[in-house]
Amino acid sequence: MATKSNYKNNTKKRSKRERRNKIIVYIMIILMLLSSLTYGLSFFI
């Protein structure tokens, strides 16, 4: 019982951190896509 309650408390505390991590991950993916697109365009130009 104690472990479950601690897990719930941790998830509530981490909600902001997890949201921030998701945003960072999405930004990284977008940057990777943009960099790959510009790299591909550089071959055509």
PDB file of N, CA and C in Angstrom:
ATOM      1  N   MET A   1       0.834  -1.211   0.000  1.00  0.00           N
ATOM      2  CA  MET A   1       0.000   0.000   0.000  1.00  0.00           C
ATOM      3  C   MET A   1       0.865   1.256   0.000  1.00  0.00           C
ATOM      4  N   ALA A   2       1.938   1.225   0.796  1.00  0.00           N
ATOM      5  CA  ALA A   2       2.796   2.408   0.916  1.00  0.00           C
ATOM      6  C   ALA A   2       3.453   2.731  -0.431  1.00  0.00           C
ATOM      7  N   THR A   3       3.918   1.707  -1.136  1.00  0.00           N
ATOM      8  CA  THR A   3       4.589   1.927  -2.415  1.00  0.00           C
ATOM      9  C   THR A   3       3.624   2.540  -3.435  1.00  0.00           C
ATOM     10  N   LYS A   4       2.374   2.085  -3.420  1.00  0.00           N
ATOM     11  CA  LYS A   4       1.393   2.619  -4.371  1.00  0.00           C
ATOM     12  C   LYS A   4       1.132   4.090  -4.097  1.00  0.00           C
ATOM     13  N   SER A   5       0.967   4.462  -2.834  1.00  0.00           N
ATOM     14  CA  SER A   5       0.704   5.860  -2.483  1.00  0.00           C
ATOM     15  C   SER A   5       1.908   6.732  -2.853  1.00  0.00           C
ATOM     16  N   ASN A   6       3.114   6.225  -2.632  1.00  0.00           N
ATOM     17  CA  ASN A   6       4.323   6.979  -2.990  1.00  0.00           C
ATOM     18  C   ASN A   6       4.397   7.166  -4.498  1.00  0.00           C
ATOM     19  N   TYR A   7       4.037   6.133  -5.258  1.00  0.00           N
ATOM     20  CA  TYR A   7       4.066   6.220  -6.713  1.00  0.00           C
ATOM     21  C   TYR A   7       3.097   7.289  -7.207  1.00  0.00           C
ATOM     22  N   LYS A   8       1.886   7.326  -6.604  1.00  0.00           N
ATOM     23  CA  LYS A   8       0.896   8.334  -6.996  1.00  0.00           C
ATOM     24  C   LYS A   8       1.416   9.732  -6.695  1.00  0.00           C
ATOM     25  N   ASN A   9       2.028   9.918  -5.539  1.00  0.00           N
ATOM     26  CA  ASN A   9       2.572  11.224  -5.170  1.00  0.00           C
ATOM     27  C   ASN A   9       3.682  11.637  -6.143  1.00  0.00           C
ATOM     28  N   ASN A  10       4.517  10.686  -6.509  1.00  0.00           N
ATOM     29  CA  ASN A  10       5.617  10.978  -7.430  1.00  0.00           C
ATOM     30  C   ASN A  10       5.082  11.386  -8.802  1.00  0.00           C
ATOM     31  N   THR A  11       4.048  10.701  -9.267  1.00  0.00           N
ATOM     32  CA  THR A  11       3.502  11.024 -10.585  1.00  0.00           C
ATOM     33  C   THR A  11       2.888  12.424 -10.570  1.00  0.00           C
ATOM     34  N   LYS A  12       2.235  12.791  -9.478  1.00  0.00           N
ATOM     35  CA  LYS A  12       1.648  14.127  -9.374  1.00  0.00           C
ATOM     36  C   LYS A  12       2.746  15.191  -9.379  1.00  0.00           C
ATOM     37  N   LYS A  13       3.826  14.927  -8.671  1.00  0.00           N
ATOM     38  CA  LYS A  13       4.933  15.884  -8.613  1.00  0.00           C
ATOM     39  C   LYS A  13       5.659  15.973  -9.960  1.00  0.00           C
ATOM     40  N   ARG A  14       5.730  14.861 -10.657  1.00  0.00           N
ATOM     41  CA  ARG A  14       6.484  14.813 -11.919  1.00  0.00           C
ATOM     42  C   ARG A  14       5.680  15.279 -13.129  1.00  0.00           C
ATOM     43  N   SER A  15       4.409  15.591 -12.955  1.00  0.00           N
ATOM     44  CA  SER A  15       3.558  15.930 -14.093  1.00  0.00           C
ATOM     45  C   SER A  15       4.154  17.089 -14.903  1.00  0.00           C
ATOM     46  N   LYS A  16       4.604  18.143 -14.198  1.00  0.00           N
ATOM     47  CA  LYS A  16       5.200  19.287 -14.892  1.00  0.00           C
ATOM     48  C   LYS A  16       6.499  18.878 -15.579  1.00  0.00           C
ATOM     49  N   ARG A  17       7.307  18.095 -14.884  1.00  0.00           N
ATOM     50  CA  ARG A  17       8.594  17.664 -15.445  1.00  0.00           C
ATOM     51  C   ARG A  17       8.369  16.772 -16.665  1.00  0.00           C
ATOM     52  N   GLU A  18       7.397  15.851 -16.574  1.00  0.00           N
ATOM     53  CA  GLU A  18       7.108  14.959 -17.696  1.00  0.00           C
ATOM     54  C   GLU A  18       6.602  15.750 -18.894  1.00  0.00           C
ATOM     55  N   ARG A  19       5.741  16.745 -18.620  1.00  0.00           N
ATOM     56  CA  ARG A  19       5.219  17.585 -19.705  1.00  0.00           C
ATOM     57  C   ARG A  19       6.362  18.321 -20.384  1.00  0.00           C
ATOM     58  N   ARG A  20       7.297  18.848 -19.573  1.00  0.00           N
ATOM     59  CA  ARG A  20       8.453  19.573 -20.110  1.00  0.00           C
ATOM     60  C   ARG A  20       9.316  18.634 -20.953  1.00  0.00           C
ATOM     61  N   ASN A  21       9.521  17.396 -20.459  1.00  0.00           N
ATOM     62  CA  ASN A  21      10.325  16.424 -21.201  1.00  0.00           C
ATOM     63  C   ASN A  21       9.669  16.093 -22.534  1.00  0.00           C
ATOM     64  N   LYS A  22       8.333  15.952 -22.549  1.00  0.00           N
ATOM     65  CA  LYS A  22       7.636  15.668 -23.803  1.00  0.00           C
ATOM     66  C   LYS A  22       7.825  16.807 -24.782  1.00  0.00           C
ATOM     67  N   ILE A  23       7.722  18.041 -24.301  1.00  0.00           N
ATOM     68  CA  ILE A  23       7.900  19.218 -25.168  1.00  0.00           C
ATOM     69  C   ILE A  23       9.312  19.217 -25.749  1.00  0.00           C
ATOM     70  N   ILE A  24      10.312  18.920 -24.906  1.00  0.00           N
ATOM     71  CA  ILE A  24      11.707  18.888 -25.360  1.00  0.00           C
ATOM     72  C   ILE A  24      11.878  17.810 -26.427  1.00  0.00           C
ATOM     73  N   VAL A  25      11.270  16.641 -26.209  1.00  0.00           N
ATOM     74  CA  VAL A  25      11.370  15.538 -27.170  1.00  0.00           C
ATOM     75  C   VAL A  25      10.749  15.946 -28.506  1.00  0.00           C
ATOM     76  N   TYR A  26       9.557  16.590 -28.453  1.00  0.00           N
ATOM     77  CA  TYR A  26       8.909  17.032 -29.686  1.00  0.00           C
ATOM     78  C   TYR A  26       9.766  18.058 -30.417  1.00  0.00           C
ATOM     79  N   ILE A  27      10.377  18.980 -29.675  1.00  0.00           N
ATOM     80  CA  ILE A  27      11.245  20.004 -30.282  1.00  0.00           C
ATOM     81  C   ILE A  27      12.446  19.335 -30.958  1.00  0.00           C
ATOM     82  N   MET A  28      13.021  18.348 -30.282  1.00  0.00           N
ATOM     83  CA  MET A  28      14.170  17.630 -30.838  1.00  0.00           C
ATOM     84  C   MET A  28      13.788  16.923 -32.133  1.00  0.00           C
ATOM     85  N   ILE A  29      12.598  16.293 -32.144  1.00  0.00           N
ATOM     86  CA  ILE A  29      12.140  15.585 -33.345  1.00  0.00           C
ATOM     87  C   ILE A  29      11.931  16.580 -34.489  1.00  0.00           C
ATOM     88  N   ILE A  30      11.312  17.718 -34.177  1.00  0.00           N
ATOM     89  CA  ILE A  30      11.066  18.746 -35.196  1.00  0.00           C
ATOM     90  C   ILE A  30      12.388  19.265 -35.750  1.00  0.00           C
ATOM     91  N   LEU A  31      13.361  19.506 -34.856  1.00  0.00           N
ATOM     92  CA  LEU A  31      14.674  19.990 -35.292  1.00  0.00           C
ATOM     93  C   LEU A  31      15.359  18.956 -36.185  1.00  0.00           C
ATOM     94  N   MET A  32      15.243  17.675 -35.820  1.00  0.00           N
ATOM     95  CA  MET A  32      15.842  16.619 -36.630  1.00  0.00           C
ATOM     96  C   MET A  32      15.209  16.582 -38.021  1.00  0.00           C
ATOM     97  N   LEU A  33      13.876  16.705 -38.074  1.00  0.00           N
ATOM     98  CA  LEU A  33      13.182  16.697 -39.363  1.00  0.00           C
ATOM     99  C   LEU A  33      13.596  17.895 -40.207  1.00  0.00           C
ATOM    100  N   LEU A  34      13.654  19.076 -39.585  1.00  0.00           N
ATOM    101  CA  LEU A  34      14.044  20.287 -40.312  1.00  0.00           C
ATOM    102  C   LEU A  34      15.472  20.180 -40.822  1.00  0.00           C
ATOM    103  N   SER A  35      16.382  19.680 -39.996  1.00  0.00           N
ATOM    104  CA  SER A  35      17.778  19.548 -40.394  1.00  0.00           C
ATOM    105  C   SER A  35      17.921  18.541 -41.539  1.00  0.00           C
ATOM    106  N   SER A  36      17.153  17.446 -41.469  1.00  0.00           N
ATOM    107  CA  SER A  36      17.208  16.437 -42.538  1.00  0.00           C
ATOM    108  C   SER A  36      16.636  17.006 -43.830  1.00  0.00           C
ATOM    109  N   LEU A  37      15.570  17.807 -43.716  1.00  0.00           N
ATOM    110  CA  LEU A  37      14.971  18.426 -44.907  1.00  0.00           C
ATOM    111  C   LEU A  37      15.941  19.409 -45.552  1.00  0.00           C
ATOM    112  N   THR A  38      16.584  20.242 -44.738  1.00  0.00           N
ATOM    113  CA  THR A  38      17.544  21.215 -45.273  1.00  0.00           C
ATOM    114  C   THR A  38      18.749  20.487 -45.872  1.00  0.00           C
ATOM    115  N   TYR A  39      19.159  19.380 -45.248  1.00  0.00           N
ATOM    116  CA  TYR A  39      20.276  18.579 -45.767  1.00  0.00           C
ATOM    117  C   TYR A  39      19.906  17.983 -47.122  1.00  0.00           C
ATOM    118  N   GLY A  40      18.665  17.509 -47.248  1.00  0.00           N
ATOM    119  CA  GLY A  40      18.195  16.952 -48.523  1.00  0.00           C
ATOM    120  C   GLY A  40      18.074  18.031 -49.585  1.00  0.00           C
ATOM    121  N   LEU A  41      17.593  19.218 -49.199  1.00  0.00           N
ATOM    122  CA  LEU A  41      17.451  20.321 -50.152  1.00  0.00           C
ATOM    123  C   LEU A  41      18.811  20.801 -50.649  1.00  0.00           C
ATOM    124  N   SER A  42      19.825  20.757 -49.788  1.00  0.00           N
ATOM    125  CA  SER A  42      21.162  21.221 -50.171  1.00  0.00           C
ATOM    126  C   SER A  42      21.716  20.398 -51.337  1.00  0.00           C
ATOM    127  N   PHE A  43      21.308  19.116 -51.447  1.00  0.00           N
ATOM    128  CA  PHE A  43      21.771  18.292 -52.567  1.00  0.00           C
ATOM    129  C   PHE A  43      21.124  18.765 -53.878  1.00  0.00           C
ATOM    130  N   PHE A  44      19.856  19.150 -53.811  1.00  0.00           N
ATOM    131  CA  PHE A  44      19.132  19.570 -55.020  1.00  0.00           C
ATOM    132  C   PHE A  44      19.602  20.941 -55.507  1.00  0.00           C
ATOM    133  N   ILE A  45      19.950  21.819 -54.565  1.00  0.00           N
ATOM    134  CA  ILE A  45      20.335  23.187 -54.958  1.00  0.00           C
ATOM    135  C   ILE A  45      21.749  23.219 -55.531  1.00  0.00           C
TER     136      ILE A  45
END
